[in-house]
Protein backbone atom coordinates (compact mmCIF):
# COMPACT_ATOMS: atom_id res chain seq x y z
CA UNK A 1 100.13 9.38 132.69
CA UNK A 2 96.38 8.91 133.26
CA UNK A 3 95.55 9.18 129.54
CA UNK A 4 97.57 6.05 128.78
CA UNK A 5 95.45 3.81 131.02
CA UNK A 6 92.45 2.05 129.58
CA UNK A 7 89.02 2.75 131.01
CA UNK A 8 87.71 -0.14 133.05
CA UNK A 9 84.05 -1.03 133.23
CA UNK A 10 82.39 1.40 135.64
CA UNK A 11 79.11 2.65 136.99
CA UNK A 12 80.10 6.24 136.21
CA UNK A 13 76.64 7.32 135.16
CA UNK A 14 74.07 9.83 136.29
CA UNK A 15 72.19 6.93 137.86
CA UNK A 16 75.15 6.29 140.14
CA UNK A 17 74.99 9.83 141.51
CA UNK A 18 71.23 9.50 141.93
CA UNK A 19 71.88 6.37 144.01
CA UNK A 20 74.25 8.28 146.25
CA UNK A 21 71.88 11.21 146.63
CA UNK A 22 68.52 9.53 147.07
CA UNK A 23 69.14 6.10 148.53
CA UNK A 24 69.77 5.61 152.19
CA UNK A 25 72.95 4.65 153.94
CA UNK A 26 72.00 0.96 153.91
CA UNK A 27 71.76 0.83 150.09
CA UNK A 28 75.07 2.62 149.67
CA UNK A 29 76.68 0.35 152.26
CA UNK A 30 75.38 -2.72 150.41
CA UNK A 31 76.77 -1.33 147.14
CA UNK A 32 80.18 -0.88 148.80
CA UNK A 33 80.03 -4.47 150.04
CA UNK A 34 79.13 -5.76 146.59
CA UNK A 35 82.03 -3.78 145.09
CA UNK A 36 84.40 -5.22 147.76
CA UNK A 37 85.20 -1.76 149.11
CA UNK A 38 84.20 -2.85 152.60
CA UNK A 39 83.72 -6.26 154.19
CA UNK A 40 80.40 -8.01 153.61
CA UNK A 41 80.84 -9.99 156.82
CA UNK A 42 83.04 -9.86 159.89
CA UNK A 43 84.09 -12.63 162.25
CA UNK A 44 83.92 -11.94 165.98
CA UNK A 45 87.42 -12.19 167.48
CA UNK A 46 85.97 -13.58 170.74
CA UNK A 47 83.62 -16.36 169.60
CA UNK A 48 84.57 -16.72 165.88
CA UNK A 49 80.92 -16.39 164.77
CA UNK A 50 79.80 -13.93 162.11
CA UNK A 51 79.00 -10.53 163.54
CA UNK A 52 75.68 -8.84 162.70
CA UNK A 53 75.40 -5.61 160.76
CA UNK A 54 73.40 -3.37 163.06
CA UNK A 55 71.99 0.10 162.61
CA UNK A 56 73.60 2.67 164.91
CA UNK A 57 72.65 6.31 165.12
CA UNK A 58 75.51 8.64 165.86
CA UNK A 59 77.96 7.02 163.45
CA UNK A 60 78.73 8.62 160.11
CA UNK A 61 77.79 5.42 158.26
CA UNK A 62 74.74 4.59 160.38
CA UNK A 63 75.81 0.94 160.82
CA UNK A 64 78.34 -1.13 162.74
CA UNK A 65 79.35 -4.78 163.10
CA UNK A 66 78.28 -6.20 166.46
CA UNK A 67 78.47 -9.49 168.32
CA UNK A 68 76.70 -9.65 171.65
CA UNK A 69 76.88 -12.86 173.64
CA UNK A 70 75.18 -13.04 177.04
CA UNK A 71 76.13 -16.61 177.99
CA UNK A 72 77.97 -17.04 181.29
CA UNK A 73 80.96 -18.85 179.82
CA UNK A 74 81.78 -16.39 177.00
CA UNK A 75 80.04 -13.08 177.74
CA UNK A 76 81.10 -10.31 175.38
CA UNK A 77 79.91 -7.31 173.40
CA UNK A 78 82.23 -6.66 170.47
CA UNK A 79 81.67 -3.67 168.17
CA UNK A 80 83.59 -2.96 164.95
CA UNK A 81 83.28 -0.11 162.50
CA UNK A 82 82.12 -1.06 159.00
CA UNK A 83 85.21 0.85 157.84
CA UNK A 84 87.72 -1.30 159.75
CA UNK A 85 90.66 -2.29 157.54
CA UNK A 86 89.43 -0.28 154.55
CA UNK A 87 90.69 2.85 152.88
CA UNK A 88 87.72 4.65 154.51
CA UNK A 89 88.99 3.79 158.02
CA UNK A 90 90.91 6.99 158.78
CA UNK A 91 88.24 9.39 157.54
CA UNK A 92 85.28 11.01 159.24
CA UNK A 93 83.57 11.73 155.90
CA UNK A 94 80.65 9.67 154.68
CA UNK A 95 81.82 7.19 152.03
CA UNK A 96 79.35 8.71 149.55
CA UNK A 97 81.83 11.56 149.09
CA UNK A 98 84.63 9.15 148.24
CA UNK A 99 82.49 7.21 145.80
CA UNK A 100 81.40 10.39 144.04
CA UNK A 101 85.01 11.60 143.84
CA UNK A 102 86.11 8.23 142.44
CA UNK A 103 83.44 8.39 139.75
CA UNK A 104 84.52 11.90 138.76
CA UNK A 105 88.08 10.61 138.32
CA UNK A 106 86.80 7.74 136.17
CA UNK A 107 84.84 10.19 134.03
CA UNK A 108 87.94 12.36 133.60
CA UNK A 109 89.98 9.33 132.60
CA UNK A 110 87.25 8.28 130.17
CA UNK A 111 87.29 11.72 128.54
CA UNK A 112 91.09 11.57 128.32
CA UNK A 113 91.00 8.13 126.64
CA UNK A 114 88.25 9.21 124.23
CA UNK A 115 90.20 12.34 123.33
CA UNK A 116 93.27 10.41 122.17
């Protein structure tokens, strides 16, 4: 039962929702990286170097991982979603919705624990 679990430290505050509503996609993406919800770096499967986080219009998140190598011996252009191998990967919704939903659940759990 949810009421039996202890509340963990959280950012379930009004300020958190302000962040989601007023900050851009980059700030929210960086917050997700800091919280280990998505990868903060990605290794290129072709050259084994770190891929760059690059802005990309037309994607729901506005960013993608990219490694572009133009050398003759190892030419490649590898693109990966920032959602790859995360629990966001199968969704088309912006991760702001998931973060807001998660915070609502934490608030509900907090109220349940306080009410005991």
